[in-house]
Amino acid sequence: MSTEIEAKFIVPDRISYERVRVLERLGRYSLLAPRVQDVRDEYLDTPDRALLSAGYACRRRELAGAVIMTLKSVLSQPGEVHRREELEVNLPSPASTHVPASAWPASAARRKVKELAGARELQVLFHLGQRRIVREVVDTGRVAALASLDEVSLSVPGGSPQQWWELELELAEGGTEADLAAMSAWVQTALGLQASPVSKFERALKAIQGR
């Protein structure tokens, strides 16, 4: 089990997205060369939402030929800093969308899903596509965080696609929460971006529930 610590911000429009994209610094922190990732996420739950009822989201992620299953806590938190429990397991690649949890490799993620869902099968809730521009955030030679500027597309069977943008600053091993606080303060003051109180999963879930 690991804990993801990150600050999340709403990027309100394309103009703001381009402004963030060309940044070279976040205050005193330098942004290194970007790498672009195309990510496809599929969120799953039982028909009666057993995982969500227990405070978790289950995500199947395709990235650079790998398939990763993640069980992540989704309790909303005030402010820009989010702390979320994560349980992950890699599936043998290529892996079908419909690999049941019982067939995942032995792991804490499989045990937790089986504990919460029992024998009920997981089904697709929605898909999220992301074009991510990822950059290391450094200070005096140490990597303090990873900055990810995300263009997100929500796809729901039978529904119209939706799009939005976000900036995430995820704490790295070489960083401290004081670093994250300093970056976050600069982003809000210098760029005028507002903190996002919810995860992408929560935002997408609210969108499909409002259909």
N, C-alpha and C. Protein backbone atom coordinates (compact mmCIF):
# COMPACT_ATOMS: atom_id res chain seq x y z
N MET A 1 0.84 -1.19 0.00
CA MET A 1 0.00 0.00 0.00
C MET A 1 0.88 1.24 0.00
N SER A 2 0.49 2.23 -0.74
CA SER A 2 1.20 3.50 -0.75
C SER A 2 0.20 4.63 -0.58
N THR A 3 0.71 5.81 -0.26
CA THR A 3 -0.13 6.99 -0.12
C THR A 3 0.31 8.02 -1.15
N GLU A 4 -0.60 8.41 -2.00
CA GLU A 4 -0.35 9.45 -2.99
C GLU A 4 -0.64 10.80 -2.34
N ILE A 5 0.33 11.71 -2.42
CA ILE A 5 0.14 13.07 -1.89
C ILE A 5 0.32 14.04 -3.05
N GLU A 6 -0.71 14.77 -3.37
CA GLU A 6 -0.65 15.68 -4.51
C GLU A 6 -1.54 16.89 -4.29
N ALA A 7 -1.20 17.96 -4.99
CA ALA A 7 -2.04 19.15 -5.03
C ALA A 7 -2.68 19.22 -6.41
N LYS A 8 -3.96 19.54 -6.45
CA LYS A 8 -4.73 19.53 -7.70
C LYS A 8 -5.36 20.91 -7.92
N PHE A 9 -5.29 21.36 -9.18
CA PHE A 9 -5.82 22.68 -9.51
C PHE A 9 -6.65 22.61 -10.79
N ILE A 10 -7.70 23.42 -10.82
CA ILE A 10 -8.57 23.53 -11.98
C ILE A 10 -7.92 24.50 -12.97
N VAL A 11 -7.77 24.05 -14.21
CA VAL A 11 -7.32 24.93 -15.30
C VAL A 11 -8.58 25.28 -16.09
N PRO A 12 -9.05 26.52 -16.01
CA PRO A 12 -10.43 26.81 -16.44
C PRO A 12 -10.67 26.82 -17.94
N ASP A 13 -9.63 27.03 -18.76
CA ASP A 13 -9.86 27.17 -20.20
C ASP A 13 -8.57 26.91 -20.96
N ARG A 14 -8.69 26.91 -22.29
CA ARG A 14 -7.53 26.62 -23.14
C ARG A 14 -6.44 27.68 -23.01
N ILE A 15 -6.81 28.93 -22.84
CA ILE A 15 -5.81 30.00 -22.68
C ILE A 15 -4.98 29.74 -21.43
N SER A 16 -5.64 29.39 -20.34
CA SER A 16 -4.91 29.10 -19.10
C SER A 16 -4.04 27.86 -19.27
N TYR A 17 -4.56 26.87 -20.01
CA TYR A 17 -3.79 25.65 -20.27
C TYR A 17 -2.48 25.99 -21.00
N GLU A 18 -2.55 26.82 -22.03
CA GLU A 18 -1.35 27.19 -22.77
C GLU A 18 -0.39 27.98 -21.91
N ARG A 19 -0.92 28.80 -21.03
CA ARG A 19 -0.05 29.58 -20.14
C ARG A 19 0.74 28.66 -19.22
N VAL A 20 0.08 27.64 -18.70
CA VAL A 20 0.77 26.69 -17.83
C VAL A 20 1.75 25.84 -18.63
N ARG A 21 1.37 25.47 -19.84
CA ARG A 21 2.18 24.57 -20.66
C ARG A 21 3.57 25.13 -20.93
N VAL A 22 3.69 26.43 -21.08
CA VAL A 22 4.98 27.03 -21.46
C VAL A 22 5.80 27.50 -20.26
N LEU A 23 5.33 27.25 -19.05
CA LEU A 23 6.09 27.65 -17.87
C LEU A 23 7.45 26.96 -17.83
N GLU A 24 8.45 27.67 -17.31
CA GLU A 24 9.76 27.09 -17.08
C GLU A 24 10.07 26.95 -15.59
N ARG A 25 9.26 27.61 -14.77
CA ARG A 25 9.48 27.55 -13.32
C ARG A 25 8.14 27.58 -12.59
N LEU A 26 8.15 27.07 -11.37
CA LEU A 26 7.06 27.27 -10.41
C LEU A 26 7.69 27.97 -9.22
N GLY A 27 7.70 29.29 -9.26
CA GLY A 27 8.39 30.02 -8.21
C GLY A 27 9.88 29.72 -8.25
N ARG A 28 10.45 29.25 -7.14
CA ARG A 28 11.88 28.97 -7.08
C ARG A 28 12.24 27.60 -7.68
N TYR A 29 11.24 26.83 -8.07
CA TYR A 29 11.45 25.48 -8.58
C TYR A 29 11.52 25.48 -10.11
N SER A 30 12.45 24.71 -10.65
CA SER A 30 12.61 24.60 -12.10
C SER A 30 11.79 23.45 -12.64
N LEU A 31 11.27 23.63 -13.85
CA LEU A 31 10.55 22.57 -14.56
C LEU A 31 11.46 22.01 -15.64
N LEU A 32 11.71 20.70 -15.60
CA LEU A 32 12.56 20.07 -16.58
C LEU A 32 11.77 19.77 -17.86
N ALA A 33 12.46 19.20 -18.85
CA ALA A 33 11.86 18.95 -20.16
C ALA A 33 10.62 18.07 -20.04
N PRO A 34 9.58 18.37 -20.80
CA PRO A 34 8.33 17.61 -20.70
C PRO A 34 8.40 16.29 -21.45
N ARG A 35 7.59 15.35 -20.98
CA ARG A 35 7.31 14.14 -21.75
C ARG A 35 5.79 14.01 -21.83
N VAL A 36 5.33 13.57 -22.97
CA VAL A 36 3.89 13.48 -23.22
C VAL A 36 3.44 12.04 -23.06
N GLN A 37 2.37 11.84 -22.31
CA GLN A 37 1.81 10.51 -22.10
C GLN A 37 0.34 10.51 -22.55
N ASP A 38 -0.01 9.52 -23.34
CA ASP A 38 -1.41 9.29 -23.68
C ASP A 38 -1.91 8.15 -22.83
N VAL A 39 -2.88 8.44 -21.98
CA VAL A 39 -3.35 7.49 -20.97
C VAL A 39 -4.82 7.19 -21.21
N ARG A 40 -5.17 5.91 -21.09
CA ARG A 40 -6.58 5.52 -21.19
C ARG A 40 -6.98 4.85 -19.89
N ASP A 41 -7.94 5.44 -19.21
CA ASP A 41 -8.42 4.91 -17.93
C ASP A 41 -9.84 4.39 -18.08
N GLU A 42 -10.10 3.30 -17.41
CA GLU A 42 -11.43 2.71 -17.38
C GLU A 42 -11.77 2.47 -15.92
N TYR A 43 -12.88 3.02 -15.46
CA TYR A 43 -13.28 2.87 -14.06
C TYR A 43 -14.36 1.80 -13.94
N LEU A 44 -14.21 0.96 -12.92
CA LEU A 44 -15.05 -0.23 -12.76
C LEU A 44 -15.67 -0.26 -11.37
N ASP A 45 -16.81 -0.90 -11.27
CA ASP A 45 -17.44 -1.15 -9.97
C ASP A 45 -18.49 -2.24 -10.17
N THR A 46 -19.03 -2.72 -9.08
CA THR A 46 -20.11 -3.69 -9.16
C THR A 46 -21.40 -2.97 -9.54
N PRO A 47 -22.42 -3.69 -9.98
CA PRO A 47 -23.68 -3.02 -10.34
C PRO A 47 -24.29 -2.22 -9.19
N ASP A 48 -24.05 -2.64 -7.95
CA ASP A 48 -24.61 -1.90 -6.82
C ASP A 48 -23.59 -0.96 -6.17
N ARG A 49 -22.46 -0.68 -6.88
CA ARG A 49 -21.44 0.28 -6.44
C ARG A 49 -20.84 -0.09 -5.08
N ALA A 50 -20.46 -1.36 -4.91
CA ALA A 50 -19.91 -1.81 -3.64
C ALA A 50 -18.59 -1.11 -3.31
N LEU A 51 -17.75 -0.89 -4.30
CA LEU A 51 -16.46 -0.26 -4.05
C LEU A 51 -16.64 1.21 -3.66
N LEU A 52 -17.46 1.92 -4.41
CA LEU A 52 -17.70 3.32 -4.12
C LEU A 52 -18.33 3.48 -2.74
N SER A 53 -19.25 2.59 -2.37
CA SER A 53 -19.89 2.67 -1.06
C SER A 53 -18.87 2.53 0.06
N ALA A 54 -17.79 1.80 -0.21
CA ALA A 54 -16.73 1.62 0.79
C ALA A 54 -15.66 2.70 0.70
N GLY A 55 -15.83 3.65 -0.22
CA GLY A 55 -14.89 4.76 -0.33
C GLY A 55 -13.74 4.53 -1.28
N TYR A 56 -13.92 3.66 -2.29
CA TYR A 56 -12.84 3.33 -3.21
C TYR A 56 -13.30 3.45 -4.66
N ALA A 57 -12.31 3.72 -5.53
CA ALA A 57 -12.51 3.65 -6.98
C ALA A 57 -11.54 2.62 -7.53
N CYS A 58 -11.99 1.87 -8.53
CA CYS A 58 -11.14 0.87 -9.18
C CYS A 58 -10.87 1.34 -10.61
N ARG A 59 -9.58 1.44 -10.93
CA ARG A 59 -9.19 1.98 -12.24
C ARG A 59 -8.32 0.98 -12.99
N ARG A 60 -8.65 0.77 -14.26
CA ARG A 60 -7.80 0.01 -15.16
C ARG A 60 -7.12 1.00 -16.08
N ARG A 61 -5.79 1.08 -16.04
CA ARG A 61 -5.05 2.07 -16.81
C ARG A 61 -4.17 1.40 -17.85
N GLU A 62 -4.26 1.90 -19.08
CA GLU A 62 -3.36 1.50 -20.15
C GLU A 62 -2.38 2.63 -20.39
N LEU A 63 -1.08 2.32 -20.26
CA LEU A 63 -0.05 3.34 -20.42
C LEU A 63 1.21 2.67 -20.97
N ALA A 64 1.62 3.11 -22.16
CA ALA A 64 2.85 2.62 -22.79
C ALA A 64 2.90 1.10 -22.85
N GLY A 65 1.76 0.49 -23.19
CA GLY A 65 1.70 -0.96 -23.35
C GLY A 65 1.49 -1.74 -22.08
N ALA A 66 1.50 -1.06 -20.93
CA ALA A 66 1.28 -1.73 -19.65
C ALA A 66 -0.18 -1.58 -19.23
N VAL A 67 -0.66 -2.55 -18.45
CA VAL A 67 -2.02 -2.49 -17.90
C VAL A 67 -1.90 -2.56 -16.38
N ILE A 68 -2.39 -1.52 -15.71
CA ILE A 68 -2.25 -1.40 -14.27
C ILE A 68 -3.63 -1.27 -13.64
N MET A 69 -3.92 -2.13 -12.66
CA MET A 69 -5.16 -2.02 -11.89
C MET A 69 -4.84 -1.29 -10.58
N THR A 70 -5.64 -0.28 -10.28
CA THR A 70 -5.42 0.52 -9.08
C THR A 70 -6.72 0.63 -8.30
N LEU A 71 -6.64 0.38 -7.01
CA LEU A 71 -7.74 0.65 -6.10
C LEU A 71 -7.33 1.85 -5.26
N LYS A 72 -8.12 2.91 -5.34
CA LYS A 72 -7.72 4.19 -4.73
C LYS A 72 -8.86 4.75 -3.89
N SER A 73 -8.53 5.25 -2.70
CA SER A 73 -9.55 5.89 -1.88
C SER A 73 -9.98 7.19 -2.52
N VAL A 74 -11.26 7.56 -2.34
CA VAL A 74 -11.80 8.71 -3.05
C VAL A 74 -12.54 9.68 -2.14
N LEU A 75 -12.21 9.69 -0.88
CA LEU A 75 -12.87 10.63 0.03
C LEU A 75 -12.44 12.05 -0.29
N SER A 76 -13.39 12.93 -0.53
CA SER A 76 -13.08 14.33 -0.83
C SER A 76 -12.41 14.98 0.37
N GLN A 77 -11.45 15.88 0.07
CA GLN A 77 -10.70 16.54 1.12
C GLN A 77 -10.67 18.03 0.85
N PRO A 78 -10.77 18.85 1.90
CA PRO A 78 -10.73 20.30 1.69
C PRO A 78 -9.34 20.74 1.27
N GLY A 79 -9.27 21.87 0.53
CA GLY A 79 -7.98 22.39 0.12
C GLY A 79 -7.44 21.70 -1.11
N GLU A 80 -6.21 22.13 -1.49
CA GLU A 80 -5.63 21.61 -2.73
C GLU A 80 -4.86 20.32 -2.56
N VAL A 81 -4.45 19.97 -1.34
CA VAL A 81 -3.63 18.78 -1.11
C VAL A 81 -4.52 17.57 -0.85
N HIS A 82 -4.30 16.51 -1.62
CA HIS A 82 -5.08 15.28 -1.49
C HIS A 82 -4.14 14.15 -1.05
N ARG A 83 -4.58 13.36 -0.09
CA ARG A 83 -3.85 12.17 0.35
C ARG A 83 -4.75 10.97 0.10
N ARG A 84 -4.28 10.05 -0.72
CA ARG A 84 -5.13 8.92 -1.09
C ARG A 84 -4.36 7.62 -0.97
N GLU A 85 -5.01 6.65 -0.35
CA GLU A 85 -4.46 5.30 -0.29
C GLU A 85 -4.51 4.68 -1.68
N GLU A 86 -3.43 4.00 -2.08
CA GLU A 86 -3.38 3.34 -3.39
C GLU A 86 -2.90 1.90 -3.26
N LEU A 87 -3.61 1.01 -3.91
CA LEU A 87 -3.20 -0.38 -4.03
C LEU A 87 -3.12 -0.71 -5.51
N GLU A 88 -1.96 -1.18 -6.00
CA GLU A 88 -1.79 -1.39 -7.43
C GLU A 88 -1.27 -2.79 -7.72
N VAL A 89 -1.62 -3.28 -8.91
CA VAL A 89 -1.08 -4.54 -9.41
C VAL A 89 -1.03 -4.45 -10.94
N ASN A 90 0.06 -4.93 -11.52
CA ASN A 90 0.20 -4.98 -12.97
C ASN A 90 -0.40 -6.27 -13.51
N LEU A 91 -1.19 -6.15 -14.57
CA LEU A 91 -1.73 -7.33 -15.23
C LEU A 91 -0.77 -7.77 -16.34
N PRO A 92 -0.72 -9.07 -16.59
CA PRO A 92 0.08 -9.54 -17.72
C PRO A 92 -0.40 -8.85 -19.00
N SER A 93 0.52 -8.42 -19.82
CA SER A 93 0.16 -7.69 -21.03
C SER A 93 0.39 -8.58 -22.26
N PRO A 94 -0.51 -8.56 -23.26
CA PRO A 94 -1.73 -7.76 -23.28
C PRO A 94 -2.81 -8.36 -22.39
N ALA A 95 -3.60 -7.49 -21.77
CA ALA A 95 -4.64 -7.95 -20.87
C ALA A 95 -6.00 -7.46 -21.35
N SER A 96 -6.97 -8.30 -21.31
CA SER A 96 -8.32 -7.95 -21.72
C SER A 96 -8.95 -7.00 -20.71
N THR A 97 -9.87 -6.20 -21.22
CA THR A 97 -10.63 -5.32 -20.34
C THR A 97 -11.37 -6.12 -19.27
N HIS A 98 -11.74 -7.34 -19.59
CA HIS A 98 -12.65 -8.07 -18.73
C HIS A 98 -11.95 -9.13 -17.86
N VAL A 99 -10.72 -8.85 -17.44
CA VAL A 99 -10.03 -9.75 -16.51
C VAL A 99 -10.69 -9.59 -15.14
N PRO A 100 -11.34 -10.64 -14.60
CA PRO A 100 -11.98 -10.51 -13.28
C PRO A 100 -10.93 -10.39 -12.18
N ALA A 101 -11.34 -9.78 -11.08
CA ALA A 101 -10.40 -9.58 -9.98
C ALA A 101 -9.82 -10.89 -9.48
N SER A 102 -10.59 -11.96 -9.57
CA SER A 102 -10.11 -13.26 -9.11
C SER A 102 -8.93 -13.77 -9.93
N ALA A 103 -8.75 -13.21 -11.15
CA ALA A 103 -7.66 -13.63 -12.02
C ALA A 103 -6.47 -12.67 -11.98
N TRP A 104 -6.54 -11.60 -11.18
CA TRP A 104 -5.40 -10.71 -11.04
C TRP A 104 -4.27 -11.44 -10.31
N PRO A 105 -3.03 -11.04 -10.52
CA PRO A 105 -1.94 -11.61 -9.72
C PRO A 105 -2.18 -11.36 -8.22
N ALA A 106 -1.69 -12.30 -7.40
CA ALA A 106 -1.85 -12.16 -5.95
C ALA A 106 -1.29 -10.81 -5.49
N SER A 107 -2.09 -10.06 -4.76
CA SER A 107 -1.70 -8.71 -4.37
C SER A 107 -2.69 -8.17 -3.35
N ALA A 108 -2.30 -7.08 -2.70
CA ALA A 108 -3.20 -6.41 -1.77
C ALA A 108 -4.40 -5.84 -2.51
N ALA A 109 -4.20 -5.40 -3.76
CA ALA A 109 -5.32 -4.86 -4.55
C ALA A 109 -6.36 -5.93 -4.80
N ARG A 110 -5.93 -7.13 -5.19
CA ARG A 110 -6.89 -8.21 -5.44
C ARG A 110 -7.62 -8.59 -4.16
N ARG A 111 -6.89 -8.70 -3.06
CA ARG A 111 -7.54 -9.07 -1.79
C ARG A 111 -8.60 -8.05 -1.39
N LYS A 112 -8.29 -6.76 -1.57
CA LYS A 112 -9.22 -5.72 -1.15
C LYS A 112 -10.47 -5.73 -2.02
N VAL A 113 -10.29 -5.86 -3.33
CA VAL A 113 -11.46 -5.88 -4.22
C VAL A 113 -12.35 -7.08 -3.91
N LYS A 114 -11.75 -8.24 -3.69
CA LYS A 114 -12.54 -9.43 -3.38
C LYS A 114 -13.25 -9.27 -2.04
N GLU A 115 -12.58 -8.60 -1.09
CA GLU A 115 -13.22 -8.34 0.21
C GLU A 115 -14.45 -7.47 0.06
N LEU A 116 -14.36 -6.44 -0.80
CA LEU A 116 -15.45 -5.47 -0.94
C LEU A 116 -16.53 -5.94 -1.91
N ALA A 117 -16.12 -6.61 -2.99
CA ALA A 117 -17.08 -6.98 -4.04
C ALA A 117 -17.58 -8.41 -3.92
N GLY A 118 -16.85 -9.25 -3.19
CA GLY A 118 -17.24 -10.65 -3.10
C GLY A 118 -17.20 -11.30 -4.47
N ALA A 119 -18.24 -12.05 -4.81
CA ALA A 119 -18.28 -12.76 -6.09
C ALA A 119 -18.89 -11.90 -7.20
N ARG A 120 -19.32 -10.69 -6.89
CA ARG A 120 -19.93 -9.83 -7.90
C ARG A 120 -18.89 -9.36 -8.91
N GLU A 121 -19.23 -9.37 -10.19
CA GLU A 121 -18.31 -8.95 -11.23
C GLU A 121 -18.27 -7.42 -11.32
N LEU A 122 -17.11 -6.93 -11.76
CA LEU A 122 -16.96 -5.50 -11.98
C LEU A 122 -17.43 -5.16 -13.40
N GLN A 123 -18.06 -4.00 -13.54
CA GLN A 123 -18.50 -3.53 -14.84
C GLN A 123 -18.01 -2.11 -15.06
N VAL A 124 -17.99 -1.70 -16.31
CA VAL A 124 -17.45 -0.38 -16.66
C VAL A 124 -18.43 0.72 -16.28
N LEU A 125 -17.92 1.74 -15.57
CA LEU A 125 -18.72 2.93 -15.27
C LEU A 125 -18.56 3.99 -16.36
N PHE A 126 -17.31 4.27 -16.72
CA PHE A 126 -17.01 5.26 -17.75
C PHE A 126 -15.53 5.15 -18.11
N HIS A 127 -15.16 5.86 -19.20
CA HIS A 127 -13.77 5.91 -19.65
C HIS A 127 -13.26 7.35 -19.55
N LEU A 128 -12.00 7.49 -19.19
CA LEU A 128 -11.32 8.78 -19.22
C LEU A 128 -10.08 8.65 -20.10
N GLY A 129 -9.97 9.52 -21.08
CA GLY A 129 -8.75 9.62 -21.87
C GLY A 129 -7.98 10.85 -21.43
N GLN A 130 -6.66 10.74 -21.35
CA GLN A 130 -5.85 11.87 -20.92
C GLN A 130 -4.63 12.04 -21.80
N ARG A 131 -4.38 13.28 -22.21
CA ARG A 131 -3.10 13.67 -22.78
C ARG A 131 -2.38 14.43 -21.65
N ARG A 132 -1.33 13.81 -21.15
CA ARG A 132 -0.62 14.35 -19.98
C ARG A 132 0.75 14.89 -20.40
N ILE A 133 1.05 16.10 -19.98
CA ILE A 133 2.38 16.68 -20.14
C ILE A 133 3.03 16.65 -18.77
N VAL A 134 4.01 15.76 -18.61
CA VAL A 134 4.60 15.49 -17.30
C VAL A 134 6.01 16.07 -17.25
N ARG A 135 6.31 16.78 -16.15
CA ARG A 135 7.63 17.39 -15.98
C ARG A 135 8.09 17.21 -14.54
N GLU A 136 9.38 16.93 -14.38
CA GLU A 136 9.95 16.90 -13.04
C GLU A 136 10.12 18.32 -12.54
N VAL A 137 9.84 18.51 -11.24
CA VAL A 137 10.00 19.80 -10.59
C VAL A 137 11.19 19.69 -9.65
N VAL A 138 12.23 20.48 -9.89
CA VAL A 138 13.48 20.29 -9.16
C VAL A 138 13.88 21.57 -8.41
N ASP A 139 14.66 21.34 -7.36
CA ASP A 139 15.20 22.44 -6.56
C ASP A 139 16.59 22.01 -6.10
N THR A 140 17.61 22.74 -6.54
CA THR A 140 19.01 22.44 -6.19
C THR A 140 19.36 20.97 -6.39
N GLY A 141 18.96 20.45 -7.55
CA GLY A 141 19.36 19.10 -7.92
C GLY A 141 18.48 17.98 -7.44
N ARG A 142 17.51 18.23 -6.60
CA ARG A 142 16.63 17.18 -6.12
C ARG A 142 15.27 17.30 -6.80
N VAL A 143 14.66 16.15 -7.11
CA VAL A 143 13.33 16.13 -7.70
C VAL A 143 12.32 16.19 -6.55
N ALA A 144 11.62 17.31 -6.45
CA ALA A 144 10.68 17.51 -5.35
C ALA A 144 9.27 17.04 -5.68
N ALA A 145 8.92 17.08 -6.97
CA ALA A 145 7.55 16.74 -7.36
C ALA A 145 7.51 16.42 -8.85
N LEU A 146 6.38 15.88 -9.27
CA LEU A 146 6.08 15.71 -10.69
C LEU A 146 4.87 16.60 -11.00
N ALA A 147 5.01 17.44 -12.02
CA ALA A 147 3.90 18.29 -12.47
C ALA A 147 3.27 17.65 -13.69
N SER A 148 1.97 17.51 -13.66
CA SER A 148 1.25 16.91 -14.77
C SER A 148 0.13 17.85 -15.20
N LEU A 149 0.24 18.33 -16.43
CA LEU A 149 -0.81 19.16 -17.02
C LEU A 149 -1.66 18.25 -17.88
N ASP A 150 -2.91 18.08 -17.51
CA ASP A 150 -3.76 17.04 -18.09
C ASP A 150 -4.91 17.64 -18.89
N GLU A 151 -5.07 17.12 -20.10
CA GLU A 151 -6.26 17.37 -20.91
C GLU A 151 -7.11 16.12 -20.84
N VAL A 152 -8.28 16.22 -20.22
CA VAL A 152 -9.08 15.05 -19.87
C VAL A 152 -10.33 14.99 -20.73
N SER A 153 -10.63 13.79 -21.24
CA SER A 153 -11.85 13.58 -22.02
C SER A 153 -12.66 12.46 -21.38
N LEU A 154 -13.91 12.75 -21.06
CA LEU A 154 -14.82 11.79 -20.45
C LEU A 154 -15.72 11.19 -21.51
N SER A 155 -15.78 9.86 -21.55
CA SER A 155 -16.63 9.16 -22.51
C SER A 155 -17.56 8.23 -21.76
N VAL A 156 -18.86 8.38 -21.99
CA VAL A 156 -19.88 7.55 -21.36
C VAL A 156 -20.75 6.95 -22.45
N PRO A 157 -21.00 5.63 -22.42
CA PRO A 157 -21.85 5.02 -23.44
C PRO A 157 -23.20 5.76 -23.56
N GLY A 158 -23.52 6.20 -24.77
CA GLY A 158 -24.79 6.87 -24.99
C GLY A 158 -24.81 8.33 -24.63
N GLY A 159 -23.68 8.88 -24.15
CA GLY A 159 -23.66 10.27 -23.73
C GLY A 159 -22.70 11.10 -24.56
N SER A 160 -22.78 12.41 -24.43
CA SER A 160 -21.89 13.31 -25.15
C SER A 160 -20.55 13.41 -24.42
N PRO A 161 -19.43 13.44 -25.15
CA PRO A 161 -18.13 13.55 -24.50
C PRO A 161 -17.98 14.90 -23.80
N GLN A 162 -17.19 14.92 -22.72
CA GLN A 162 -16.90 16.14 -22.00
C GLN A 162 -15.38 16.28 -21.88
N GLN A 163 -14.92 17.51 -21.78
CA GLN A 163 -13.49 17.77 -21.71
C GLN A 163 -13.20 18.82 -20.65
N TRP A 164 -12.07 18.65 -19.95
CA TRP A 164 -11.60 19.68 -19.02
C TRP A 164 -10.09 19.55 -18.85
N TRP A 165 -9.51 20.50 -18.09
CA TRP A 165 -8.06 20.54 -17.90
C TRP A 165 -7.74 20.65 -16.41
N GLU A 166 -6.64 20.03 -16.00
CA GLU A 166 -6.20 20.07 -14.61
C GLU A 166 -4.68 20.15 -14.54
N LEU A 167 -4.20 20.69 -13.43
CA LEU A 167 -2.78 20.66 -13.10
C LEU A 167 -2.62 19.88 -11.80
N GLU A 168 -1.75 18.87 -11.81
CA GLU A 168 -1.46 18.09 -10.62
C GLU A 168 0.01 18.22 -10.27
N LEU A 169 0.28 18.40 -8.99
CA LEU A 169 1.65 18.41 -8.47
C LEU A 169 1.75 17.28 -7.46
N GLU A 170 2.42 16.20 -7.87
CA GLU A 170 2.52 15.02 -7.01
C GLU A 170 3.87 15.00 -6.32
N LEU A 171 3.85 14.86 -5.01
CA LEU A 171 5.07 14.85 -4.22
C LEU A 171 5.94 13.67 -4.60
N ALA A 172 7.23 13.92 -4.86
CA ALA A 172 8.19 12.88 -5.18
C ALA A 172 8.98 12.50 -3.93
N GLU A 173 9.77 11.42 -4.04
CA GLU A 173 10.53 10.95 -2.89
C GLU A 173 11.50 12.00 -2.37
N GLY A 174 12.02 12.82 -3.27
CA GLY A 174 12.98 13.84 -2.85
C GLY A 174 12.35 15.11 -2.34
N GLY A 175 11.02 15.17 -2.29
CA GLY A 175 10.34 16.38 -1.86
C GLY A 175 9.72 16.26 -0.49
N THR A 176 9.29 17.38 0.05
CA THR A 176 8.63 17.45 1.34
C THR A 176 7.29 18.15 1.18
N GLU A 177 6.47 18.03 2.19
CA GLU A 177 5.18 18.72 2.12
C GLU A 177 5.36 20.23 2.14
N ALA A 178 6.47 20.70 2.69
CA ALA A 178 6.76 22.13 2.63
C ALA A 178 7.00 22.57 1.20
N ASP A 179 7.68 21.72 0.40
CA ASP A 179 7.85 22.01 -1.02
C ASP A 179 6.50 22.11 -1.72
N LEU A 180 5.63 21.14 -1.44
CA LEU A 180 4.33 21.11 -2.09
C LEU A 180 3.51 22.34 -1.71
N ALA A 181 3.61 22.76 -0.45
CA ALA A 181 2.90 23.95 -0.01
C ALA A 181 3.42 25.20 -0.71
N ALA A 182 4.75 25.28 -0.89
CA ALA A 182 5.33 26.44 -1.56
C ALA A 182 4.93 26.50 -3.03
N MET A 183 4.97 25.36 -3.72
CA MET A 183 4.54 25.32 -5.11
C MET A 183 3.07 25.70 -5.24
N SER A 184 2.25 25.15 -4.36
CA SER A 184 0.81 25.39 -4.41
C SER A 184 0.48 26.85 -4.20
N ALA A 185 1.17 27.48 -3.25
CA ALA A 185 0.94 28.89 -2.98
C ALA A 185 1.29 29.73 -4.21
N TRP A 186 2.39 29.38 -4.88
CA TRP A 186 2.80 30.13 -6.08
C TRP A 186 1.79 29.95 -7.19
N VAL A 187 1.33 28.72 -7.41
CA VAL A 187 0.36 28.45 -8.46
C VAL A 187 -0.92 29.26 -8.25
N GLN A 188 -1.37 29.33 -7.01
CA GLN A 188 -2.61 30.05 -6.73
C GLN A 188 -2.41 31.56 -6.83
N THR A 189 -1.25 32.06 -6.37
CA THR A 189 -1.01 33.50 -6.37
C THR A 189 -0.60 34.01 -7.75
N ALA A 190 0.37 33.36 -8.37
CA ALA A 190 0.92 33.84 -9.63
C ALA A 190 0.06 33.49 -10.84
N LEU A 191 -0.56 32.32 -10.81
CA LEU A 191 -1.36 31.86 -11.95
C LEU A 191 -2.85 32.06 -11.75
N GLY A 192 -3.25 32.26 -10.49
CA GLY A 192 -4.67 32.45 -10.21
C GLY A 192 -5.52 31.21 -10.36
N LEU A 193 -4.89 30.02 -10.26
CA LEU A 193 -5.65 28.78 -10.39
C LEU A 193 -6.28 28.41 -9.05
N GLN A 194 -7.48 27.88 -9.12
CA GLN A 194 -8.20 27.46 -7.92
C GLN A 194 -7.93 25.99 -7.61
N ALA A 195 -7.88 25.69 -6.32
CA ALA A 195 -7.71 24.30 -5.90
C ALA A 195 -8.90 23.47 -6.33
N SER A 196 -8.63 22.22 -6.71
CA SER A 196 -9.71 21.28 -7.05
C SER A 196 -9.98 20.40 -5.85
N PRO A 197 -11.19 20.42 -5.29
CA PRO A 197 -11.48 19.63 -4.10
C PRO A 197 -11.76 18.16 -4.39
N VAL A 198 -11.87 17.78 -5.67
CA VAL A 198 -12.27 16.41 -6.01
C VAL A 198 -11.28 15.80 -6.99
N SER A 199 -11.30 14.47 -7.06
CA SER A 199 -10.48 13.74 -8.02
C SER A 199 -11.16 13.73 -9.38
N LYS A 200 -10.41 13.28 -10.41
CA LYS A 200 -11.01 13.13 -11.73
C LYS A 200 -12.17 12.14 -11.68
N PHE A 201 -11.99 11.07 -10.92
CA PHE A 201 -13.07 10.08 -10.78
C PHE A 201 -14.33 10.73 -10.23
N GLU A 202 -14.20 11.51 -9.16
CA GLU A 202 -15.37 12.15 -8.56
C GLU A 202 -16.02 13.15 -9.52
N ARG A 203 -15.19 13.89 -10.25
CA ARG A 203 -15.74 14.85 -11.19
C ARG A 203 -16.51 14.13 -12.30
N ALA A 204 -15.93 13.06 -12.83
CA ALA A 204 -16.59 12.31 -13.89
C ALA A 204 -17.87 11.66 -13.38
N LEU A 205 -17.82 11.10 -12.18
CA LEU A 205 -19.00 10.44 -11.61
C LEU A 205 -20.15 11.43 -11.44
N LYS A 206 -19.81 12.63 -10.97
CA LYS A 206 -20.84 13.67 -10.83
C LYS A 206 -21.44 14.03 -12.19
N ALA A 207 -20.61 14.06 -13.22
CA ALA A 207 -21.10 14.39 -14.56
C ALA A 207 -22.06 13.35 -15.09
N ILE A 208 -21.73 12.06 -14.89
CA ILE A 208 -22.61 11.04 -15.43
C ILE A 208 -23.88 10.89 -14.59
N GLN A 209 -23.80 11.20 -13.31
CA GLN A 209 -24.99 11.14 -12.47
C GLN A 209 -25.95 12.27 -12.78
N GLY A 210 -25.41 13.38 -13.34
CA GLY A 210 -26.25 14.52 -13.69
C GLY A 210 -26.87 14.44 -15.06
N ARG A 211 -26.58 13.33 -15.79
CA ARG A 211 -27.14 13.18 -17.13
C ARG A 211 -28.65 13.00 -17.10
